Structure formats: structure tokens, C-alpha cells
PDB file of N, CA and C in Angstrom:
ATOM      1  N   UNK A   1     -37.330   6.645 -17.122  1.00  0.00           N
ATOM      2  CA  UNK A   1     -36.367   5.701 -16.621  1.00  0.00           C
ATOM      3  C   UNK A   1     -36.808   5.128 -15.291  1.00  0.00           C
ATOM      4  N   UNK A   2     -36.532   3.902 -15.131  1.00  0.00           N
ATOM      5  CA  UNK A   2     -36.970   3.194 -13.925  1.00  0.00           C
ATOM      6  C   UNK A   2     -35.827   3.111 -12.858  1.00  0.00           C
ATOM      7  N   UNK A   3     -34.590   3.182 -13.322  1.00  0.00           N
ATOM      8  CA  UNK A   3     -33.508   3.077 -12.371  1.00  0.00           C
ATOM      9  C   UNK A   3     -32.316   3.936 -12.790  1.00  0.00           C
ATOM     10  N   UNK A   4     -31.489   4.266 -11.863  1.00  0.00           N
ATOM     11  CA  UNK A   4     -30.297   5.079 -12.210  1.00  0.00           C
ATOM     12  C   UNK A   4     -29.292   4.277 -13.033  1.00  0.00           C
ATOM     13  N   UNK A   5     -29.348   2.954 -12.965  1.00  0.00           N
ATOM     14  CA  UNK A   5     -28.452   2.118 -13.746  1.00  0.00           C
ATOM     15  C   UNK A   5     -28.702   2.336 -15.279  1.00  0.00           C
ATOM     16  N   UNK A   6     -29.872   2.848 -15.630  1.00  0.00           N
ATOM     17  CA  UNK A   6     -30.148   3.083 -17.062  1.00  0.00           C
ATOM     18  C   UNK A   6     -29.555   4.394 -17.585  1.00  0.00           C
ATOM     19  N   UNK A   7     -29.115   5.247 -16.708  1.00  0.00           N
ATOM     20  CA  UNK A   7     -28.613   6.556 -17.080  1.00  0.00           C
ATOM     21  C   UNK A   7     -27.197   6.430 -17.693  1.00  0.00           C
ATOM     22  N   UNK A   8     -27.010   6.908 -18.872  1.00  0.00           N
ATOM     23  CA  UNK A   8     -25.728   6.758 -19.554  1.00  0.00           C
ATOM     24  C   UNK A   8     -24.558   7.365 -18.755  1.00  0.00           C
ATOM     25  N   UNK A   9     -24.754   8.503 -18.188  1.00  0.00           N
ATOM     26  CA  UNK A   9     -23.652   9.138 -17.454  1.00  0.00           C
ATOM     27  C   UNK A   9     -23.292   8.277 -16.192  1.00  0.00           C
ATOM     28  N   UNK A  10     -24.255   7.605 -15.631  1.00  0.00           N
ATOM     29  CA  UNK A  10     -23.966   6.720 -14.495  1.00  0.00           C
ATOM     30  C   UNK A  10     -23.093   5.532 -14.967  1.00  0.00           C
ATOM     31  N   UNK A  11     -23.479   4.987 -16.113  1.00  0.00           N
ATOM     32  CA  UNK A  11     -22.710   3.838 -16.641  1.00  0.00           C
ATOM     33  C   UNK A  11     -21.252   4.280 -16.955  1.00  0.00           C
ATOM     34  N   UNK A  12     -21.101   5.474 -17.493  1.00  0.00           N
ATOM     35  CA  UNK A  12     -19.736   6.007 -17.779  1.00  0.00           C
ATOM     36  C   UNK A  12     -19.001   6.239 -16.465  1.00  0.00           C
ATOM     37  N   UNK A  13     -19.668   6.716 -15.482  1.00  0.00           N
ATOM     38  CA  UNK A  13     -19.030   6.966 -14.200  1.00  0.00           C
ATOM     39  C   UNK A  13     -18.565   5.665 -13.595  1.00  0.00           C
ATOM     40  N   UNK A  14     -19.395   4.647 -13.674  1.00  0.00           N
ATOM     41  CA  UNK A  14     -18.909   3.291 -13.195  1.00  0.00           C
ATOM     42  C   UNK A  14     -17.676   2.828 -13.948  1.00  0.00           C
ATOM     43  N   UNK A  15     -17.663   2.964 -15.225  1.00  0.00           N
ATOM     44  CA  UNK A  15     -16.548   2.512 -16.050  1.00  0.00           C
ATOM     45  C   UNK A  15     -15.316   3.317 -15.671  1.00  0.00           C
ATOM     46  N   UNK A  16     -15.430   4.599 -15.499  1.00  0.00           N
ATOM     47  CA  UNK A  16     -14.305   5.411 -15.088  1.00  0.00           C
ATOM     48  C   UNK A  16     -13.758   5.045 -13.690  1.00  0.00           C
ATOM     49  N   UNK A  17     -14.664   4.773 -12.781  1.00  0.00           N
ATOM     50  CA  UNK A  17     -14.270   4.418 -11.438  1.00  0.00           C
ATOM     51  C   UNK A  17     -13.498   3.098 -11.465  1.00  0.00           C
ATOM     52  N   UNK A  18     -13.974   2.128 -12.193  1.00  0.00           N
ATOM     53  CA  UNK A  18     -13.306   0.829 -12.339  1.00  0.00           C
ATOM     54  C   UNK A  18     -11.898   1.038 -12.875  1.00  0.00           C
ATOM     55  N   UNK A  19     -11.735   1.878 -13.928  1.00  0.00           N
ATOM     56  CA  UNK A  19     -10.436   2.144 -14.508  1.00  0.00           C
ATOM     57  C   UNK A  19      -9.492   2.800 -13.522  1.00  0.00           C
ATOM     58  N   UNK A  20     -10.046   3.736 -12.690  1.00  0.00           N
ATOM     59  CA  UNK A  20      -9.197   4.357 -11.654  1.00  0.00           C
ATOM     60  C   UNK A  20      -8.777   3.400 -10.641  1.00  0.00           C
ATOM     61  N   UNK A  21      -9.667   2.536 -10.162  1.00  0.00           N
ATOM     62  CA  UNK A  21      -9.244   1.503  -9.180  1.00  0.00           C
ATOM     63  C   UNK A  21      -8.233   0.588  -9.744  1.00  0.00           C
ATOM     64  N   UNK A  22      -8.363   0.192 -10.996  1.00  0.00           N
ATOM     65  CA  UNK A  22      -7.386  -0.677 -11.646  1.00  0.00           C
ATOM     66  C   UNK A  22      -6.028   0.019 -11.740  1.00  0.00           C
ATOM     67  N   UNK A  23      -6.047   1.320 -12.066  1.00  0.00           N
ATOM     68  CA  UNK A  23      -4.844   2.064 -12.192  1.00  0.00           C
ATOM     69  C   UNK A  23      -4.096   2.243 -10.836  1.00  0.00           C
ATOM     70  N   UNK A  24      -4.828   2.512  -9.835  1.00  0.00           N
ATOM     71  CA  UNK A  24      -4.210   2.758  -8.509  1.00  0.00           C
ATOM     72  C   UNK A  24      -3.807   1.451  -7.837  1.00  0.00           C
ATOM     73  N   UNK A  25      -4.427   0.348  -8.250  1.00  0.00           N
ATOM     74  CA  UNK A  25      -4.124  -0.946  -7.612  1.00  0.00           C
ATOM     75  C   UNK A  25      -2.656  -1.385  -7.777  1.00  0.00           C
ATOM     76  N   UNK A  26      -2.127  -1.215  -8.941  1.00  0.00           N
ATOM     77  CA  UNK A  26      -0.842  -1.755  -9.263  1.00  0.00           C
ATOM     78  C   UNK A  26       0.181  -0.620  -9.600  1.00  0.00           C
ATOM     79  N   UNK A  27       0.070   0.456  -8.872  1.00  0.00           N
ATOM     80  CA  UNK A  27       0.963   1.569  -9.147  1.00  0.00           C
ATOM     81  C   UNK A  27       1.677   2.047  -7.866  1.00  0.00           C
ATOM     82  N   UNK A  28       2.543   3.001  -8.065  1.00  0.00           N
ATOM     83  CA  UNK A  28       3.312   3.520  -6.943  1.00  0.00           C
ATOM     84  C   UNK A  28       2.627   4.779  -6.344  1.00  0.00           C
ATOM     85  N   UNK A  29       1.323   4.808  -6.416  1.00  0.00           N
ATOM     86  CA  UNK A  29       0.553   5.987  -5.884  1.00  0.00           C
ATOM     87  C   UNK A  29       0.872   6.216  -4.425  1.00  0.00           C
ATOM     88  N   UNK A  30       1.048   7.480  -4.090  1.00  0.00           N
ATOM     89  CA  UNK A  30       1.105   7.866  -2.703  1.00  0.00           C
ATOM     90  C   UNK A  30      -0.195   7.492  -2.072  1.00  0.00           C
ATOM     91  N   UNK A  31      -0.156   6.968  -0.885  1.00  0.00           N
ATOM     92  CA  UNK A  31      -1.390   6.465  -0.224  1.00  0.00           C
ATOM     93  C   UNK A  31      -2.467   7.512  -0.113  1.00  0.00           C
ATOM     94  N   UNK A  32      -2.089   8.751   0.245  1.00  0.00           N
ATOM     95  CA  UNK A  32      -3.047   9.823   0.370  1.00  0.00           C
ATOM     96  C   UNK A  32      -3.738  10.176  -0.915  1.00  0.00           C
ATOM     97  N   UNK A  33      -2.905  10.275  -2.013  1.00  0.00           N
ATOM     98  CA  UNK A  33      -3.467  10.593  -3.283  1.00  0.00           C
ATOM     99  C   UNK A  33      -4.391   9.473  -3.779  1.00  0.00           C
ATOM    100  N   UNK A  34      -3.931   8.240  -3.604  1.00  0.00           N
ATOM    101  CA  UNK A  34      -4.703   7.060  -4.048  1.00  0.00           C
ATOM    102  C   UNK A  34      -6.042   7.048  -3.326  1.00  0.00           C
ATOM    103  N   UNK A  35      -6.093   7.260  -2.014  1.00  0.00           N
ATOM    104  CA  UNK A  35      -7.336   7.271  -1.224  1.00  0.00           C
ATOM    105  C   UNK A  35      -8.274   8.340  -1.686  1.00  0.00           C
ATOM    106  N   UNK A  36      -7.719   9.580  -1.850  1.00  0.00           N
ATOM    107  CA  UNK A  36      -8.606  10.698  -2.256  1.00  0.00           C
ATOM    108  C   UNK A  36      -9.133  10.464  -3.669  1.00  0.00           C
ATOM    109  N   UNK A  37      -8.315   9.972  -4.572  1.00  0.00           N
ATOM    110  CA  UNK A  37      -8.759   9.776  -5.956  1.00  0.00           C
ATOM    111  C   UNK A  37      -9.844   8.691  -6.022  1.00  0.00           C
ATOM    112  N   UNK A  38      -9.662   7.586  -5.274  1.00  0.00           N
ATOM    113  CA  UNK A  38     -10.654   6.543  -5.302  1.00  0.00           C
ATOM    114  C   UNK A  38     -11.930   7.007  -4.660  1.00  0.00           C
ATOM    115  N   UNK A  39     -11.890   7.787  -3.570  1.00  0.00           N
ATOM    116  CA  UNK A  39     -13.115   8.291  -2.957  1.00  0.00           C
ATOM    117  C   UNK A  39     -13.809   9.245  -3.871  1.00  0.00           C
ATOM    118  N   UNK A  40     -13.105  10.167  -4.541  1.00  0.00           N
ATOM    119  CA  UNK A  40     -13.705  11.130  -5.450  1.00  0.00           C
ATOM    120  C   UNK A  40     -14.327  10.419  -6.623  1.00  0.00           C
ATOM    121  N   UNK A  41     -13.701   9.431  -7.172  1.00  0.00           N
ATOM    122  CA  UNK A  41     -14.191   8.643  -8.324  1.00  0.00           C
ATOM    123  C   UNK A  41     -15.471   7.942  -7.942  1.00  0.00           C
ATOM    124  N   UNK A  42     -15.498   7.300  -6.794  1.00  0.00           N
ATOM    125  CA  UNK A  42     -16.651   6.554  -6.336  1.00  0.00           C
ATOM    126  C   UNK A  42     -17.826   7.548  -6.036  1.00  0.00           C
ATOM    127  N   UNK A  43     -17.465   8.770  -5.625  1.00  0.00           N
ATOM    128  CA  UNK A  43     -18.481   9.743  -5.311  1.00  0.00           C
ATOM    129  C   UNK A  43     -19.336  10.138  -6.557  1.00  0.00           C
ATOM    130  N   UNK A  44     -18.757  10.101  -7.697  1.00  0.00           N
ATOM    131  CA  UNK A  44     -19.449  10.488  -8.894  1.00  0.00           C
ATOM    132  C   UNK A  44     -20.705   9.598  -9.130  1.00  0.00           C
ATOM    133  N   UNK A  45     -20.524   8.317  -9.201  1.00  0.00           N
ATOM    134  CA  UNK A  45     -21.652   7.414  -9.411  1.00  0.00           C
ATOM    135  C   UNK A  45     -22.551   7.365  -8.180  1.00  0.00           C
ATOM    136  N   UNK A  46     -21.996   7.445  -6.994  1.00  0.00           N
ATOM    137  CA  UNK A  46     -22.802   7.424  -5.776  1.00  0.00           C
ATOM    138  C   UNK A  46     -23.783   8.599  -5.774  1.00  0.00           C
ATOM    139  N   UNK A  47     -23.343   9.782  -6.103  1.00  0.00           N
ATOM    140  CA  UNK A  47     -24.238  10.937  -6.109  1.00  0.00           C
ATOM    141  C   UNK A  47     -25.265  10.900  -7.225  1.00  0.00           C
ATOM    142  N   UNK A  48     -24.964  10.298  -8.374  1.00  0.00           N
ATOM    143  CA  UNK A  48     -25.945  10.128  -9.405  1.00  0.00           C
ATOM    144  C   UNK A  48     -27.045   9.195  -8.891  1.00  0.00           C
ATOM    145  N   UNK A  49     -26.642   8.067  -8.285  1.00  0.00           N
ATOM    146  CA  UNK A  49     -27.580   7.133  -7.736  1.00  0.00           C
ATOM    147  C   UNK A  49     -28.428   7.770  -6.613  1.00  0.00           C
ATOM    148  N   UNK A  50     -27.780   8.444  -5.720  1.00  0.00           N
ATOM    149  CA  UNK A  50     -28.523   9.057  -4.609  1.00  0.00           C
ATOM    150  C   UNK A  50     -29.516  10.114  -5.097  1.00  0.00           C
ATOM    151  N   UNK A  51     -29.078  10.939  -6.005  1.00  0.00           N
ATOM    152  CA  UNK A  51     -30.011  11.999  -6.525  1.00  0.00           C
ATOM    153  C   UNK A  51     -31.174  11.343  -7.256  1.00  0.00           C
ATOM    154  N   UNK A  52     -30.954  10.350  -8.020  1.00  0.00           N
ATOM    155  CA  UNK A  52     -32.097   9.666  -8.740  1.00  0.00           C
ATOM    156  C   UNK A  52     -33.072   9.111  -7.758  1.00  0.00           C
ATOM    157  N   UNK A  53     -32.560   8.501  -6.698  1.00  0.00           N
ATOM    158  CA  UNK A  53     -33.447   7.862  -5.705  1.00  0.00           C
ATOM    159  C   UNK A  53     -34.265   8.846  -4.879  1.00  0.00           C
ATOM    160  N   UNK A  54     -33.904  10.096  -4.899  1.00  0.00           N
ATOM    161  CA  UNK A  54     -34.674  11.126  -4.193  1.00  0.00           C
ATOM    162  C   UNK A  54     -36.014  11.348  -4.861  1.00  0.00           C
ATOM    163  N   UNK A  55     -36.139  10.941  -6.097  1.00  0.00           N
ATOM    164  CA  UNK A  55     -37.405  11.048  -6.893  1.00  0.00           C
ATOM    165  C   UNK A  55     -37.896  12.460  -6.970  1.00  0.00           C
ATOM    166  N   UNK A  56     -36.969  13.407  -7.111  1.00  0.00           N
ATOM    167  CA  UNK A  56     -37.253  14.782  -7.281  1.00  0.00           C
ATOM    168  C   UNK A  56     -36.290  15.357  -8.285  1.00  0.00           C
ATOM    169  N   UNK A  57     -36.762  16.026  -9.360  1.00  0.00           N
ATOM    170  CA  UNK A  57     -35.863  16.577 -10.319  1.00  0.00           C
ATOM    171  C   UNK A  57     -34.942  17.614  -9.720  1.00  0.00           C
ATOM    172  N   UNK A  58     -35.438  18.356  -8.762  1.00  0.00           N
ATOM    173  CA  UNK A  58     -34.608  19.383  -8.066  1.00  0.00           C
ATOM    174  C   UNK A  58     -33.471  18.687  -7.360  1.00  0.00           C
ATOM    175  N   UNK A  59     -33.728  17.612  -6.604  1.00  0.00           N
ATOM    176  CA  UNK A  59     -32.703  16.895  -5.917  1.00  0.00           C
ATOM    177  C   UNK A  59     -31.723  16.227  -6.851  1.00  0.00           C
ATOM    178  N   UNK A  60     -32.256  15.612  -7.926  1.00  0.00           N
ATOM    179  CA  UNK A  60     -31.424  14.995  -8.902  1.00  0.00           C
ATOM    180  C   UNK A  60     -30.382  15.969  -9.466  1.00  0.00           C
ATOM    181  N   UNK A  61     -30.869  17.138  -9.844  1.00  0.00           N
ATOM    182  CA  UNK A  61     -29.989  18.205 -10.382  1.00  0.00           C
ATOM    183  C   UNK A  61     -28.922  18.584  -9.386  1.00  0.00           C
ATOM    184  N   UNK A  62     -29.289  18.759  -8.130  1.00  0.00           N
ATOM    185  CA  UNK A  62     -28.366  19.062  -7.029  1.00  0.00           C
ATOM    186  C   UNK A  62     -27.252  18.072  -6.959  1.00  0.00           C
ATOM    187  N   UNK A  63     -27.671  16.729  -6.993  1.00  0.00           N
ATOM    188  CA  UNK A  63     -26.653  15.712  -6.833  1.00  0.00           C
ATOM    189  C   UNK A  63     -25.819  15.493  -8.124  1.00  0.00           C
ATOM    190  N   UNK A  64     -26.399  15.860  -9.273  1.00  0.00           N
ATOM    191  CA  UNK A  64     -25.583  15.822 -10.505  1.00  0.00           C
ATOM    192  C   UNK A  64     -24.499  16.904 -10.449  1.00  0.00           C
ATOM    193  N   UNK A  65     -24.796  18.036  -9.888  1.00  0.00           N
ATOM    194  CA  UNK A  65     -23.774  19.088  -9.710  1.00  0.00           C
ATOM    195  C   UNK A  65     -22.672  18.620  -8.726  1.00  0.00           C
ATOM    196  N   UNK A  66     -23.091  17.912  -7.707  1.00  0.00           N
ATOM    197  CA  UNK A  66     -22.102  17.346  -6.748  1.00  0.00           C
ATOM    198  C   UNK A  66     -21.203  16.336  -7.513  1.00  0.00           C
ATOM    199  N   UNK A  67     -21.797  15.545  -8.353  1.00  0.00           N
ATOM    200  CA  UNK A  67     -21.072  14.523  -9.132  1.00  0.00           C
ATOM    201  C   UNK A  67     -20.085  15.260 -10.068  1.00  0.00           C
ATOM    202  N   UNK A  68     -20.544  16.368 -10.654  1.00  0.00           N
ATOM    203  CA  UNK A  68     -19.686  17.157 -11.543  1.00  0.00           C
ATOM    204  C   UNK A  68     -18.456  17.666 -10.748  1.00  0.00           C
ATOM    205  N   UNK A  69     -18.702  18.134  -9.530  1.00  0.00           N
ATOM    206  CA  UNK A  69     -17.620  18.563  -8.666  1.00  0.00           C
ATOM    207  C   UNK A  69     -16.639  17.478  -8.403  1.00  0.00           C
ATOM    208  N   UNK A  70     -17.110  16.295  -8.131  1.00  0.00           N
ATOM    209  CA  UNK A  70     -16.240  15.103  -7.869  1.00  0.00           C
ATOM    210  C   UNK A  70     -15.418  14.761  -9.101  1.00  0.00           C
ATOM    211  N   UNK A  71     -16.035  14.952 -10.270  1.00  0.00           N
ATOM    212  CA  UNK A  71     -15.325  14.703 -11.518  1.00  0.00           C
ATOM    213  C   UNK A  71     -14.155  15.671 -11.692  1.00  0.00           C
ATOM    214  N   UNK A  72     -14.437  16.920 -11.335  1.00  0.00           N
ATOM    215  CA  UNK A  72     -13.336  17.920 -11.383  1.00  0.00           C
ATOM    216  C   UNK A  72     -12.260  17.588 -10.366  1.00  0.00           C
ATOM    217  N   UNK A  73     -12.632  17.102  -9.228  1.00  0.00           N
ATOM    218  CA  UNK A  73     -11.663  16.678  -8.225  1.00  0.00           C
ATOM    219  C   UNK A  73     -10.771  15.561  -8.754  1.00  0.00           C
ATOM    220  N   UNK A  74     -11.374  14.587  -9.434  1.00  0.00           N
ATOM    221  CA  UNK A  74     -10.599  13.509 -10.015  1.00  0.00           C
ATOM    222  C   UNK A  74      -9.654  13.978 -11.025  1.00  0.00           C
ATOM    223  N   UNK A  75     -10.102  14.873 -11.910  1.00  0.00           N
ATOM    224  CA  UNK A  75      -9.185  15.416 -12.960  1.00  0.00           C
ATOM    225  C   UNK A  75      -8.020  16.164 -12.324  1.00  0.00           C
ATOM    226  N   UNK A  76      -8.287  16.890 -11.303  1.00  0.00           N
ATOM    227  CA  UNK A  76      -7.225  17.634 -10.613  1.00  0.00           C
ATOM    228  C   UNK A  76      -6.221  16.678  -9.964  1.00  0.00           C
ATOM    229  N   UNK A  77      -6.728  15.679  -9.288  1.00  0.00           N
ATOM    230  CA  UNK A  77      -5.842  14.695  -8.632  1.00  0.00           C
ATOM    231  C   UNK A  77      -4.982  13.960  -9.643  1.00  0.00           C
ATOM    232  N   UNK A  78      -5.619  13.579 -10.784  1.00  0.00           N
ATOM    233  CA  UNK A  78      -4.874  12.869 -11.861  1.00  0.00           C
ATOM    234  C   UNK A  78      -3.775  13.805 -12.449  1.00  0.00           C
ATOM    235  N   UNK A  79      -4.085  15.107 -12.557  1.00  0.00           N
ATOM    236  CA  UNK A  79      -3.071  16.037 -13.054  1.00  0.00           C
ATOM    237  C   UNK A  79      -1.926  16.145 -12.066  1.00  0.00           C
ATOM    238  N   UNK A  80      -2.198  16.245 -10.805  1.00  0.00           N
ATOM    239  CA  UNK A  80      -1.136  16.274  -9.784  1.00  0.00           C
ATOM    240  C   UNK A  80      -0.320  15.014  -9.863  1.00  0.00           C
ATOM    241  N   UNK A  81      -0.989  13.873  -9.898  1.00  0.00           N
ATOM    242  CA  UNK A  81      -0.300  12.577  -9.967  1.00  0.00           C
ATOM    243  C   UNK A  81       0.611  12.537 -11.201  1.00  0.00           C
ATOM    244  N   UNK A  82       0.161  13.062 -12.300  1.00  0.00           N
ATOM    245  CA  UNK A  82       1.004  13.078 -13.480  1.00  0.00           C
ATOM    246  C   UNK A  82       2.158  13.985 -13.334  1.00  0.00           C
ATOM    247  N   UNK A  83       1.947  15.106 -12.730  1.00  0.00           N
ATOM    248  CA  UNK A  83       3.046  16.104 -12.541  1.00  0.00           C
ATOM    249  C   UNK A  83       4.140  15.595 -11.567  1.00  0.00           C
ATOM    250  N   UNK A  84       3.784  14.719 -10.658  1.00  0.00           N
ATOM    251  CA  UNK A  84       4.779  14.200  -9.732  1.00  0.00           C
ATOM    252  C   UNK A  84       5.199  12.749 -10.180  1.00  0.00           C
ATOM    253  N   UNK A  85       4.932  12.466 -11.404  1.00  0.00           N
ATOM    254  CA  UNK A  85       5.372  11.201 -12.090  1.00  0.00           C
ATOM    255  C   UNK A  85       4.871   9.925 -11.393  1.00  0.00           C
ATOM    256  N   UNK A  86       3.635   9.969 -10.916  1.00  0.00           N
ATOM    257  CA  UNK A  86       3.013   8.755 -10.374  1.00  0.00           C
ATOM    258  C   UNK A  86       2.226   8.036 -11.454  1.00  0.00           C
ATOM    259  N   UNK A  87       1.818   8.794 -12.472  1.00  0.00           N
ATOM    260  CA  UNK A  87       1.160   8.174 -13.609  1.00  0.00           C
ATOM    261  C   UNK A  87       1.624   8.846 -14.863  1.00  0.00           C
ATOM    262  N   UNK A  88       1.389   8.215 -16.036  1.00  0.00           N
ATOM    263  CA  UNK A  88       1.705   8.794 -17.312  1.00  0.00           C
ATOM    264  C   UNK A  88       0.436   9.102 -18.064  1.00  0.00           C
ATOM    265  N   UNK A  89       0.561   9.731 -19.205  1.00  0.00           N
ATOM    266  CA  UNK A  89      -0.588  10.018 -20.038  1.00  0.00           C
ATOM    267  C   UNK A  89      -1.397   8.780 -20.426  1.00  0.00           C
ATOM    268  N   UNK A  90      -0.653   7.672 -20.631  1.00  0.00           N
ATOM    269  CA  UNK A  90      -1.363   6.478 -21.071  1.00  0.00           C
ATOM    270  C   UNK A  90      -2.182   5.928 -19.929  1.00  0.00           C
TER     271      UNK A  90
END
């Protein structure tokens, strides 16, 4: 691969981030939750890109784990948002 843009998980991360930004844009999200969710979502693709650019498999793996952590953070925030009726399952 020549660039991180070719990595399938990066492409999926971008799509998820766009969906999260669209969801939070027109909703009644608490400002703090919205900010943290958007930052965590953006962190997923950012860390994939940063790890790839390090040009070291060891560094890429490290940053992929960080991305995975950010993904868990997003899932948790979305669960909290659902529990306090800021979003629905749809």
C-alpha cells in the first residue's frame, strides 16, 4: 500500500466519522457529549493515518490500538447518549 487512504478500515473510519458529525449537527446533544464524541470519532482515522505515516509496522500497530480505543470510546459515548434519550437506535 502506498497511502493510508487505501486501507479499508481507514475508509470505514472516515465514513463513521462523517455519520457521527451529521448526527450531532442537527440534534439536541449536550455540548460536552457532542464535543467528546466528535473528537473520539476523528481520533480513529487520525491515528490510522499517523501510524501509517510512521513507516514502521511496530508504530502502525501501536496507533491501530489507539484507534481501537477511540472506537470503544465512541461506542460508550453513543450508549450514554442513547440512555439519556439524546439519540435513538436509528
